[in-house]
Every structure is written in structure tokens, then in C-alpha cells.
Amino acid sequence: MATAIDEGTSVEATGLALFKAAQDRGISLQSMRADGQGAPSATPPKDDTEATERAEGSMPSPLAGSDLSPTASQYH
């Protein structure tokens, strides 16, 4: 996108030009997948209480106790 902005062209035109250049060099999604290394799965540590709370849906509201938390008096 930065290249498109710098050159004053559309993002689509720049993306197509980059795609065509990659094709000309023999780069394809299939070859990138074949060359790629799989990332290991991420598992939180057993003592990660925040992950447990998120999974159970028991996280407190981020606005609780702040001036942004609505109160009944604000609706009257």
C-alpha cells in the first residue's frame, strides 16, 4: 500500500503488479506453502488464570469501576 501511495496508483493495480512479478519469478502460493514451516500450537501455562477466566466467560468488564461504566442514574 505504501508503494501505491508513493507512486499515486491504486492499491489494486500495485497488488496486481506485485502478483505478476511473483509469477514471473516462479513464486506461487503452493511453493510458499511447501517451503513454509508449521508453527507450534500455543498452549497457555496451567497456572494462567486469565486464560481460564476468558474460557469460562467470567472476566470482569474492562469498564467496571471506571468513570466510563454506565450507572442507572445516567439513564434517567
C-alpha atoms as a PDB file:
ATOM      1  CA  MET A   1       0.000   0.000   0.000  1.00  0.00           C
ATOM      2  CA  ALA A   2       2.870   2.357   0.752  1.00  0.00           C
ATOM      3  CA  THR A   3       4.188   1.806  -2.769  1.00  0.00           C
ATOM      4  CA  ALA A   4       0.761   2.584  -4.230  1.00  0.00           C
ATOM      5  CA  ILE A   5       0.534   5.780  -2.202  1.00  0.00           C
ATOM      6  CA  ASP A   6       4.071   6.825  -3.099  1.00  0.00           C
ATOM      7  CA  GLU A   7       3.516   6.203  -6.799  1.00  0.00           C
ATOM      8  CA  GLY A   8      -0.010   7.603  -6.875  1.00  0.00           C
ATOM      9  CA  THR A   9      -1.510   4.348  -8.191  1.00  0.00           C
ATOM     10  CA  SER A  10      -4.387   2.285  -6.857  1.00  0.00           C
ATOM     11  CA  VAL A  11      -3.752  -0.402  -4.294  1.00  0.00           C
ATOM     12  CA  GLU A  12      -5.359  -2.933  -6.647  1.00  0.00           C
ATOM     13  CA  ALA A  13      -3.036  -2.021  -9.534  1.00  0.00           C
ATOM     14  CA  THR A  14       0.021  -2.236  -7.297  1.00  0.00           C
ATOM     15  CA  GLY A  15      -1.123  -5.595  -5.884  1.00  0.00           C
ATOM     16  CA  LEU A  16      -1.641  -6.951  -9.394  1.00  0.00           C
ATOM     17  CA  ALA A  17       1.827  -5.745 -10.446  1.00  0.00           C
ATOM     18  CA  LEU A  18       3.388  -7.467  -7.407  1.00  0.00           C
ATOM     19  CA  PHE A  19       1.412 -10.642  -8.138  1.00  0.00           C
ATOM     20  CA  LYS A  20       2.562 -10.658 -11.765  1.00  0.00           C
ATOM     21  CA  ALA A  21       6.176 -10.064 -10.703  1.00  0.00           C
ATOM     22  CA  ALA A  22       5.981 -13.008  -8.290  1.00  0.00           C
ATOM     23  CA  GLN A  23       4.531 -15.209 -11.054  1.00  0.00           C
ATOM     24  CA  ASP A  24       7.348 -14.164 -13.392  1.00  0.00           C
ATOM     25  CA  ARG A  25       9.869 -15.291 -10.767  1.00  0.00           C
ATOM     26  CA  GLY A  26       8.097 -18.639 -10.305  1.00  0.00           C
ATOM     27  CA  ILE A  27       6.748 -17.818  -6.852  1.00  0.00           C
ATOM     28  CA  SER A  28       3.331 -19.313  -6.110  1.00  0.00           C
ATOM     29  CA  LEU A  29       1.174 -19.886  -3.050  1.00  0.00           C
ATOM     30  CA  GLN A  30       1.757 -23.610  -3.460  1.00  0.00           C
ATOM     31  CA  SER A  31       5.545 -23.186  -3.369  1.00  0.00           C
ATOM     32  CA  MET A  32       5.306 -20.883  -0.336  1.00  0.00           C
ATOM     33  CA  ARG A  33       3.171 -23.442   1.493  1.00  0.00           C
ATOM     34  CA  ALA A  34       5.642 -26.197   0.620  1.00  0.00           C
ATOM     35  CA  ASP A  35       8.597 -24.120   1.867  1.00  0.00           C
ATOM     36  CA  GLY A  36       6.860 -22.868   4.993  1.00  0.00           C
ATOM     37  CA  GLN A  37       7.460 -24.287   8.431  1.00  0.00           C
ATOM     38  CA  GLY A  38       4.466 -25.020  10.595  1.00  0.00           C
ATOM     39  CA  ALA A  39       4.229 -23.021  13.782  1.00  0.00           C
ATOM     40  CA  PRO A  40       3.847 -24.949  17.029  1.00  0.00           C
ATOM     41  CA  SER A  41       0.496 -24.631  18.735  1.00  0.00           C
ATOM     42  CA  ALA A  42       0.296 -22.172  21.588  1.00  0.00           C
ATOM     43  CA  THR A  43      -0.937 -23.543  24.890  1.00  0.00           C
ATOM     44  CA  PRO A  44      -1.107 -21.249  27.908  1.00  0.00           C
ATOM     45  CA  PRO A  45       0.619 -22.428  31.083  1.00  0.00           C
ATOM     46  CA  LYS A  46      -1.554 -24.390  33.504  1.00  0.00           C
ATOM     47  CA  ASP A  47      -1.448 -21.570  36.062  1.00  0.00           C
ATOM     48  CA  ASP A  48      -2.748 -18.958  33.559  1.00  0.00           C
ATOM     49  CA  THR A  49      -5.870 -17.825  35.430  1.00  0.00           C
ATOM     50  CA  GLU A  50      -6.719 -15.146  32.842  1.00  0.00           C
ATOM     51  CA  ALA A  51      -6.980 -17.770  30.081  1.00  0.00           C
ATOM     52  CA  THR A  52      -9.237 -19.874  32.303  1.00  0.00           C
ATOM     53  CA  GLU A  53     -11.445 -16.880  33.083  1.00  0.00           C
ATOM     54  CA  ARG A  54     -11.704 -15.980  29.379  1.00  0.00           C
ATOM     55  CA  ALA A  55     -12.683 -19.552  28.532  1.00  0.00           C
ATOM     56  CA  GLU A  56     -15.354 -19.551  31.252  1.00  0.00           C
ATOM     57  CA  GLY A  57     -16.582 -16.061  30.368  1.00  0.00           C
ATOM     58  CA  SER A  58     -16.017 -14.751  33.882  1.00  0.00           C
ATOM     59  CA  MET A  59     -13.754 -11.809  33.077  1.00  0.00           C
ATOM     60  CA  PRO A  60     -14.838  -8.550  34.717  1.00  0.00           C
ATOM     61  CA  SER A  61     -15.884  -5.731  32.437  1.00  0.00           C
ATOM     62  CA  PRO A  62     -12.906  -3.533  31.491  1.00  0.00           C
ATOM     63  CA  LEU A  63     -15.114  -0.530  32.275  1.00  0.00           C
ATOM     64  CA  ALA A  64     -16.170  -1.728  35.719  1.00  0.00           C
ATOM     65  CA  GLY A  65     -15.263   0.781  38.382  1.00  0.00           C
ATOM     66  CA  SER A  66     -14.282   3.443  35.868  1.00  0.00           C
ATOM     67  CA  ASP A  67     -15.996   6.708  35.062  1.00  0.00           C
ATOM     68  CA  LEU A  68     -16.994   5.143  31.724  1.00  0.00           C
ATOM     69  CA  SER A  69     -19.115   2.428  33.341  1.00  0.00           C
ATOM     70  CA  PRO A  70     -22.812   3.374  32.935  1.00  0.00           C
ATOM     71  CA  THR A  71     -24.922   3.627  36.051  1.00  0.00           C
ATOM     72  CA  ALA A  72     -28.694   3.635  36.477  1.00  0.00           C
ATOM     73  CA  SER A  73     -28.661   7.361  37.243  1.00  0.00           C
ATOM     74  CA  GLN A  74     -27.211   8.112  33.818  1.00  0.00           C
ATOM     75  CA  TYR A  75     -30.305   6.697  32.127  1.00  0.00           C
ATOM     76  CA  HIS A  76     -32.829   8.922  33.932  1.00  0.00           C
END
